[in-house]
N, C-alpha and C. Protein backbone atom coordinates (compact mmCIF):
# COMPACT_ATOMS: atom_id res chain seq x y z
N MET A 1 25.51 15.67 93.56
CA MET A 1 26.94 15.60 93.84
C MET A 1 27.23 16.21 95.21
N THR A 2 27.91 15.52 96.04
CA THR A 2 28.37 16.06 97.32
C THR A 2 29.83 15.70 97.48
N ASP A 3 30.59 15.94 96.45
CA ASP A 3 32.02 15.67 96.45
C ASP A 3 32.72 16.87 97.10
N THR A 4 33.47 16.61 98.16
CA THR A 4 34.10 17.72 98.86
C THR A 4 35.34 18.24 98.14
N SER A 5 35.85 17.51 97.14
CA SER A 5 37.06 17.97 96.46
C SER A 5 36.77 18.99 95.37
N LYS A 6 35.57 18.99 94.83
CA LYS A 6 35.16 19.98 93.83
C LYS A 6 33.76 20.43 94.21
N HIS A 7 33.59 21.73 94.44
CA HIS A 7 32.23 22.12 94.81
C HIS A 7 31.91 23.58 94.56
N ILE A 8 30.63 23.77 94.30
CA ILE A 8 29.97 25.07 94.31
C ILE A 8 28.70 24.84 95.11
N ARG A 9 28.53 25.60 96.18
CA ARG A 9 27.32 25.50 96.99
C ARG A 9 26.68 26.88 97.05
N THR A 10 25.36 26.94 96.93
CA THR A 10 24.67 28.22 96.97
C THR A 10 23.52 28.14 97.97
N GLY A 11 23.29 29.22 98.69
CA GLY A 11 22.19 29.24 99.63
C GLY A 11 21.78 30.66 99.96
N PHE A 12 20.54 30.81 100.40
CA PHE A 12 20.01 32.11 100.82
C PHE A 12 19.98 32.16 102.33
N TYR A 13 20.50 33.26 102.89
CA TYR A 13 20.55 33.44 104.33
C TYR A 13 20.05 34.83 104.71
N ASP A 14 19.01 34.86 105.56
CA ASP A 14 18.51 36.13 106.10
C ASP A 14 19.58 36.73 107.02
N ASP A 15 19.78 38.01 106.92
CA ASP A 15 20.65 38.74 107.84
C ASP A 15 22.03 38.10 107.99
N PHE A 16 22.63 37.74 106.87
CA PHE A 16 23.97 37.16 106.84
C PHE A 16 24.95 38.31 106.65
N LYS A 17 25.81 38.53 107.63
CA LYS A 17 26.73 39.67 107.63
C LYS A 17 25.95 40.98 107.48
N GLY A 18 24.75 41.01 108.08
CA GLY A 18 23.95 42.23 108.14
C GLY A 18 22.96 42.43 107.01
N TYR A 19 22.92 41.52 106.03
CA TYR A 19 22.03 41.69 104.88
C TYR A 19 21.46 40.34 104.46
N ASP A 20 20.29 40.38 103.81
CA ASP A 20 19.79 39.18 103.18
C ASP A 20 20.74 38.85 102.03
N THR A 21 21.23 37.61 102.01
CA THR A 21 22.38 37.28 101.19
C THR A 21 22.22 35.95 100.49
N VAL A 22 22.70 35.89 99.25
CA VAL A 22 22.95 34.61 98.60
C VAL A 22 24.44 34.36 98.71
N LEU A 23 24.78 33.26 99.35
CA LEU A 23 26.17 32.85 99.53
C LEU A 23 26.51 31.83 98.45
N ILE A 24 27.60 32.10 97.73
CA ILE A 24 28.13 31.16 96.75
C ILE A 24 29.48 30.72 97.29
N SER A 25 29.55 29.49 97.76
CA SER A 25 30.74 28.96 98.41
C SER A 25 31.41 27.98 97.46
N VAL A 26 32.71 28.18 97.23
CA VAL A 26 33.42 27.38 96.22
C VAL A 26 34.79 26.94 96.72
N ASP A 27 35.29 25.89 96.09
CA ASP A 27 36.71 25.57 96.19
C ASP A 27 37.36 26.14 94.93
N ILE A 28 38.64 25.92 94.71
CA ILE A 28 39.32 26.53 93.57
C ILE A 28 38.72 26.06 92.25
N ASN A 29 38.32 24.80 92.15
CA ASN A 29 37.71 24.30 90.92
C ASN A 29 36.38 25.00 90.65
N GLY A 30 35.58 25.14 91.68
CA GLY A 30 34.31 25.85 91.54
C GLY A 30 34.52 27.32 91.19
N LEU A 31 35.54 27.93 91.79
CA LEU A 31 35.83 29.34 91.51
C LEU A 31 36.19 29.53 90.04
N LEU A 32 37.00 28.63 89.51
CA LEU A 32 37.38 28.74 88.10
C LEU A 32 36.17 28.55 87.19
N GLU A 33 35.25 27.68 87.58
CA GLU A 33 34.04 27.49 86.79
C GLU A 33 33.15 28.73 86.85
N ILE A 34 33.00 29.33 88.02
CA ILE A 34 32.23 30.57 88.16
C ILE A 34 32.89 31.69 87.35
N GLU A 35 34.20 31.79 87.42
CA GLU A 35 34.92 32.81 86.66
C GLU A 35 34.62 32.67 85.16
N ASN A 36 34.60 31.44 84.66
CA ASN A 36 34.32 31.21 83.25
C ASN A 36 32.89 31.64 82.89
N VAL A 37 31.93 31.35 83.75
CA VAL A 37 30.54 31.77 83.51
C VAL A 37 30.46 33.30 83.44
N LEU A 38 31.12 33.97 84.39
CA LEU A 38 31.10 35.44 84.40
C LEU A 38 31.77 36.00 83.14
N LEU A 39 32.82 35.34 82.67
CA LEU A 39 33.48 35.74 81.43
C LEU A 39 32.52 35.60 80.25
N GLU A 40 31.83 34.48 80.18
CA GLU A 40 30.87 34.27 79.10
C GLU A 40 29.76 35.33 79.12
N LEU A 41 29.25 35.64 80.31
CA LEU A 41 28.22 36.67 80.43
C LEU A 41 28.77 38.04 80.03
N SER A 42 30.01 38.33 80.41
CA SER A 42 30.61 39.63 80.05
C SER A 42 30.87 39.72 78.55
N ASN A 43 30.97 38.57 77.90
CA ASN A 43 31.17 38.54 76.45
C ASN A 43 29.86 38.49 75.67
N GLY A 44 28.73 38.59 76.38
CA GLY A 44 27.45 38.71 75.70
C GLY A 44 26.52 37.52 75.77
N LEU A 45 26.91 36.44 76.48
CA LEU A 45 25.98 35.33 76.65
C LEU A 45 24.68 35.88 77.23
N SER A 46 23.54 35.55 76.64
CA SER A 46 22.29 36.19 77.07
C SER A 46 21.81 35.72 78.43
N SER A 47 22.03 34.43 78.77
CA SER A 47 21.59 33.93 80.08
C SER A 47 22.38 32.68 80.45
N PHE A 48 22.35 32.37 81.73
CA PHE A 48 23.02 31.17 82.22
C PHE A 48 22.26 30.65 83.43
N ASP A 49 22.02 29.35 83.43
CA ASP A 49 21.34 28.68 84.54
C ASP A 49 22.40 27.99 85.39
N PHE A 50 22.56 28.45 86.63
CA PHE A 50 23.59 27.91 87.52
C PHE A 50 23.39 26.43 87.81
N SER A 51 22.19 25.90 87.58
CA SER A 51 21.97 24.47 87.84
C SER A 51 22.76 23.59 86.87
N THR A 52 23.31 24.18 85.82
CA THR A 52 24.11 23.41 84.86
C THR A 52 25.60 23.40 85.19
N LEU A 53 25.99 24.04 86.28
CA LEU A 53 27.39 24.04 86.68
C LEU A 53 27.85 22.62 87.01
N LYS A 54 28.98 22.22 86.48
CA LYS A 54 29.48 20.86 86.69
C LYS A 54 29.85 20.58 88.14
N SER A 55 30.34 21.59 88.85
CA SER A 55 30.79 21.39 90.23
C SER A 55 29.71 21.68 91.27
N LEU A 56 28.48 21.92 90.81
CA LEU A 56 27.40 22.26 91.73
C LEU A 56 27.06 21.08 92.63
N ASP A 57 27.05 21.33 93.92
CA ASP A 57 26.63 20.34 94.91
C ASP A 57 25.10 20.44 94.98
N THR A 58 24.42 19.51 94.34
CA THR A 58 22.97 19.61 94.19
C THR A 58 22.21 19.42 95.51
N LYS A 59 22.90 18.98 96.54
CA LYS A 59 22.25 18.88 97.86
C LYS A 59 22.18 20.25 98.53
N TYR A 60 23.12 21.12 98.22
CA TYR A 60 23.19 22.44 98.85
C TYR A 60 23.21 23.51 97.76
N CYS A 61 22.01 23.80 97.23
CA CYS A 61 21.95 24.84 96.19
C CYS A 61 20.56 25.44 96.12
N VAL A 62 20.52 26.67 95.65
CA VAL A 62 19.28 27.34 95.30
C VAL A 62 19.34 27.60 93.80
N GLU A 63 18.20 27.88 93.20
CA GLU A 63 18.13 28.11 91.76
C GLU A 63 18.52 29.56 91.45
N ILE A 64 19.57 29.71 90.65
CA ILE A 64 20.00 31.05 90.23
C ILE A 64 20.07 31.06 88.71
N LYS A 65 19.38 32.02 88.10
CA LYS A 65 19.47 32.23 86.66
C LYS A 65 20.03 33.63 86.45
N ALA A 66 21.09 33.70 85.65
CA ALA A 66 21.78 34.96 85.38
C ALA A 66 21.42 35.43 83.97
N TYR A 67 21.25 36.76 83.84
CA TYR A 67 20.85 37.34 82.55
C TYR A 67 21.68 38.59 82.26
N ASN A 68 21.97 38.77 80.98
CA ASN A 68 22.49 40.06 80.53
C ASN A 68 21.30 40.99 80.39
N ASP A 69 21.44 42.21 80.88
CA ASP A 69 20.35 43.17 80.88
C ASP A 69 20.90 44.52 80.47
N THR A 70 20.00 45.45 80.20
CA THR A 70 20.43 46.81 79.88
C THR A 70 20.64 47.64 81.14
N ASN A 71 20.16 47.13 82.27
CA ASN A 71 20.34 47.80 83.57
C ASN A 71 20.96 46.83 84.57
N ASN A 72 21.62 47.37 85.56
CA ASN A 72 22.18 46.57 86.65
C ASN A 72 21.14 46.44 87.75
N ILE A 73 20.28 45.46 87.60
CA ILE A 73 19.19 45.26 88.56
C ILE A 73 19.69 44.52 89.79
N GLY A 74 20.68 43.66 89.63
CA GLY A 74 21.22 42.89 90.75
C GLY A 74 20.52 41.57 90.90
N LEU A 75 20.64 40.97 92.08
CA LEU A 75 20.06 39.66 92.36
C LEU A 75 18.76 39.85 93.12
N LYS A 76 17.69 39.23 92.63
CA LYS A 76 16.38 39.33 93.26
C LYS A 76 15.80 37.95 93.48
N GLN A 77 15.11 37.80 94.59
CA GLN A 77 14.41 36.56 94.85
C GLN A 77 13.07 36.62 94.12
N ILE A 78 12.79 35.61 93.30
CA ILE A 78 11.53 35.61 92.56
C ILE A 78 10.52 34.61 93.15
N ASP A 79 11.02 33.68 93.97
CA ASP A 79 10.19 32.70 94.65
C ASP A 79 11.07 32.02 95.69
N LYS A 80 10.50 31.20 96.53
CA LYS A 80 11.28 30.49 97.55
C LYS A 80 12.35 29.64 96.87
N GLY A 81 13.61 29.94 97.13
CA GLY A 81 14.71 29.18 96.57
C GLY A 81 15.02 29.48 95.11
N LYS A 82 14.40 30.53 94.54
CA LYS A 82 14.61 30.88 93.13
C LYS A 82 15.01 32.34 93.01
N PHE A 83 16.08 32.58 92.24
CA PHE A 83 16.66 33.91 92.13
C PHE A 83 16.99 34.24 90.68
N GLU A 84 16.88 35.54 90.35
CA GLU A 84 17.33 36.05 89.06
C GLU A 84 18.39 37.10 89.31
N TRP A 85 19.47 37.02 88.54
CA TRP A 85 20.60 37.95 88.67
C TRP A 85 20.74 38.65 87.33
N ARG A 86 20.41 39.95 87.28
CA ARG A 86 20.39 40.70 86.03
C ARG A 86 21.40 41.85 86.09
N LEU A 87 22.38 41.77 85.18
CA LEU A 87 23.44 42.78 85.13
C LEU A 87 23.81 43.06 83.67
N THR A 88 24.49 44.19 83.48
CA THR A 88 25.01 44.52 82.15
C THR A 88 26.30 43.75 81.90
N LYS A 89 26.73 43.70 80.65
CA LYS A 89 28.00 43.04 80.32
C LYS A 89 29.16 43.65 81.10
N ASP A 90 29.17 44.97 81.25
CA ASP A 90 30.26 45.63 81.98
C ASP A 90 30.30 45.21 83.44
N LYS A 91 29.12 45.08 84.06
CA LYS A 91 29.07 44.67 85.47
C LYS A 91 29.48 43.20 85.61
N TRP A 92 29.05 42.35 84.67
CA TRP A 92 29.51 40.95 84.71
C TRP A 92 31.03 40.90 84.62
N ASN A 93 31.60 41.76 83.77
CA ASN A 93 33.06 41.78 83.64
C ASN A 93 33.73 42.26 84.93
N GLN A 94 33.16 43.27 85.56
CA GLN A 94 33.71 43.75 86.83
C GLN A 94 33.72 42.61 87.86
N PHE A 95 32.62 41.87 87.94
CA PHE A 95 32.54 40.77 88.89
C PHE A 95 33.49 39.64 88.51
N ARG A 96 33.72 39.41 87.22
CA ARG A 96 34.70 38.42 86.79
C ARG A 96 36.09 38.81 87.25
N GLU A 97 36.42 40.10 87.11
CA GLU A 97 37.73 40.59 87.57
C GLU A 97 37.88 40.41 89.08
N MET A 98 36.81 40.65 89.83
CA MET A 98 36.85 40.46 91.28
C MET A 98 37.04 38.98 91.63
N THR A 99 36.47 38.10 90.83
CA THR A 99 36.62 36.66 91.03
C THR A 99 38.07 36.25 90.78
N THR A 100 38.65 36.77 89.71
CA THR A 100 40.05 36.48 89.40
C THR A 100 40.96 36.94 90.53
N ALA A 101 40.68 38.12 91.07
CA ALA A 101 41.49 38.65 92.17
C ALA A 101 41.40 37.76 93.41
N LEU A 102 40.27 37.09 93.58
CA LEU A 102 40.09 36.24 94.76
C LEU A 102 41.11 35.11 94.80
N TYR A 103 41.33 34.43 93.70
CA TYR A 103 42.32 33.35 93.74
C TYR A 103 43.73 33.85 93.50
N SER A 104 43.87 35.03 92.94
CA SER A 104 45.21 35.60 92.74
C SER A 104 45.83 36.05 94.05
N ASN A 105 44.99 36.36 95.05
CA ASN A 105 45.46 36.94 96.30
C ASN A 105 45.67 35.95 97.42
N GLY A 106 45.36 34.68 97.22
CA GLY A 106 45.57 33.74 98.32
C GLY A 106 44.76 32.48 98.18
N THR A 107 44.69 31.73 99.26
CA THR A 107 44.03 30.43 99.23
C THR A 107 42.61 30.46 99.75
N SER A 108 42.18 31.55 100.37
CA SER A 108 40.80 31.67 100.82
C SER A 108 40.45 33.15 100.91
N GLY A 109 39.15 33.42 100.99
CA GLY A 109 38.68 34.79 101.10
C GLY A 109 37.32 34.93 100.44
N HIS A 110 36.84 36.16 100.32
CA HIS A 110 35.54 36.38 99.72
C HIS A 110 35.48 37.73 99.02
N GLN A 111 34.51 37.85 98.15
CA GLN A 111 34.21 39.09 97.45
C GLN A 111 32.71 39.32 97.55
N TYR A 112 32.34 40.59 97.67
CA TYR A 112 30.93 40.98 97.63
C TYR A 112 30.64 41.37 96.20
N LEU A 113 29.83 40.57 95.52
CA LEU A 113 29.54 40.84 94.12
C LEU A 113 28.32 41.76 94.00
N ASP A 114 28.32 42.77 94.81
CA ASP A 114 27.28 43.79 94.76
C ASP A 114 27.77 45.09 95.37
N SER A 115 28.95 45.10 96.01
CA SER A 115 29.44 46.30 96.66
C SER A 115 30.15 47.19 95.66
N GLU A 116 30.37 48.42 96.03
CA GLU A 116 30.98 49.42 95.16
C GLU A 116 30.22 49.55 93.85
N THR A 117 28.92 49.34 93.93
CA THR A 117 28.12 49.36 92.71
C THR A 117 26.92 50.26 92.91
N GLY A 118 27.12 51.53 93.04
CA GLY A 118 26.05 52.48 93.28
C GLY A 118 24.95 52.42 92.24
N ASP A 119 25.21 51.71 91.13
CA ASP A 119 24.20 51.62 90.09
C ASP A 119 23.25 50.44 90.24
N LEU A 120 23.44 49.60 91.26
CA LEU A 120 22.51 48.49 91.49
C LEU A 120 21.27 49.00 92.22
N TYR A 121 20.14 48.37 91.97
CA TYR A 121 18.90 48.72 92.63
C TYR A 121 19.04 48.48 94.13
N LEU A 122 18.45 49.33 94.92
CA LEU A 122 18.61 49.26 96.37
C LEU A 122 18.03 48.00 96.99
N ASP A 123 17.05 47.39 96.36
CA ASP A 123 16.44 46.20 96.96
C ASP A 123 17.04 44.90 96.44
N SER A 124 18.16 44.98 95.75
CA SER A 124 18.82 43.74 95.32
C SER A 124 19.50 43.09 96.53
N LEU A 125 19.67 41.79 96.46
CA LEU A 125 20.27 41.04 97.56
C LEU A 125 21.79 41.14 97.52
N GLN A 126 22.39 40.97 98.68
CA GLN A 126 23.84 40.88 98.75
C GLN A 126 24.26 39.51 98.19
N VAL A 127 25.38 39.50 97.46
CA VAL A 127 25.94 38.26 96.94
C VAL A 127 27.37 38.15 97.47
N VAL A 128 27.64 37.06 98.17
CA VAL A 128 28.98 36.81 98.69
C VAL A 128 29.54 35.58 97.97
N LEU A 129 30.65 35.78 97.28
CA LEU A 129 31.38 34.68 96.66
C LEU A 129 32.54 34.35 97.58
N SER A 130 32.55 33.14 98.10
CA SER A 130 33.52 32.76 99.13
C SER A 130 34.36 31.58 98.66
N LEU A 131 35.68 31.73 98.77
CA LEU A 131 36.61 30.67 98.43
C LEU A 131 37.12 30.00 99.70
N ASP A 132 36.76 28.74 99.88
CA ASP A 132 37.27 27.90 100.97
C ASP A 132 37.11 28.50 102.37
N GLU A 133 35.97 29.16 102.61
CA GLU A 133 35.70 29.70 103.94
C GLU A 133 34.59 28.95 104.69
N TYR A 134 33.71 28.27 103.96
CA TYR A 134 32.56 27.62 104.58
C TYR A 134 32.60 26.12 104.27
N PRO A 135 33.05 25.31 105.24
CA PRO A 135 33.18 23.87 105.02
C PRO A 135 31.81 23.19 104.91
N LEU A 136 31.84 21.95 104.50
CA LEU A 136 30.61 21.17 104.37
C LEU A 136 29.82 21.16 105.68
N SER A 137 30.50 21.17 106.82
CA SER A 137 29.80 21.17 108.11
C SER A 137 28.91 22.40 108.27
N PHE A 138 29.32 23.57 107.76
CA PHE A 138 28.49 24.78 107.80
C PHE A 138 27.19 24.53 107.05
N TRP A 139 27.29 23.96 105.84
CA TRP A 139 26.12 23.72 105.01
C TRP A 139 25.21 22.69 105.65
N LYS A 140 25.76 21.65 106.23
CA LYS A 140 24.95 20.64 106.89
C LYS A 140 24.17 21.25 108.05
N GLU A 141 24.79 22.16 108.78
CA GLU A 141 24.15 22.76 109.95
C GLU A 141 23.13 23.83 109.59
N HIS A 142 23.39 24.64 108.57
CA HIS A 142 22.57 25.83 108.33
C HIS A 142 21.67 25.80 107.10
N PHE A 143 21.95 24.98 106.11
CA PHE A 143 21.23 25.08 104.84
C PHE A 143 19.74 24.80 104.97
N ASP A 144 19.38 23.69 105.58
CA ASP A 144 17.97 23.29 105.62
C ASP A 144 17.11 24.28 106.40
N THR A 145 17.64 24.87 107.45
CA THR A 145 16.82 25.80 108.24
C THR A 145 16.54 27.09 107.48
N CYS A 146 17.39 27.45 106.53
CA CYS A 146 17.22 28.70 105.80
C CYS A 146 16.65 28.51 104.39
N ASN A 147 16.75 27.34 103.82
CA ASN A 147 16.43 27.15 102.41
C ASN A 147 15.36 26.09 102.13
N SER A 148 14.68 25.63 103.17
CA SER A 148 13.65 24.61 102.91
C SER A 148 12.26 25.17 103.10
C-alpha cells in the first residue's frame, strides 16, 4: 500500500535528531490505529506485529514486534530492518496517552516514545512518532539509503 491518504510508515535512521532512531510517521488515520494498538498493549495484549497494521505503507516499513514485558527494555534492533519493542503495560499506557495528546493538540507534531523514561535501558533506540511532518517525498529520498 502506498496510499497517501492513509498511512503509517516506519524506518530506521542513524543519528536522526542526534540518536539512532526508529521513525513512525503517520497521518491522522494511522495515528488512531497506532493509538488503538497501544491501548490493546496497555490492556494486556501479549504481543503485536506492526506488519498487520491496516494503514501500513508496505513500501516504507521496517519490522517491529511489540511485547508486554515485566521490564521496560525499550526498542532494540535484533537484525537488519527488524526490531523488538518491550515495555510494561504501564509504559504502553503512558505512550498511548502521549499519542492521544498528539492529535488533541493540533494537526501535526511529534512525540518521543522513549523520553522522560528513566526506567528504559540505556541502549534502547529512540522512537519518534510523527503526525504529518514527513511527506512521501522524505521517504522516497531517504528510506532506501538507510533501510536496505
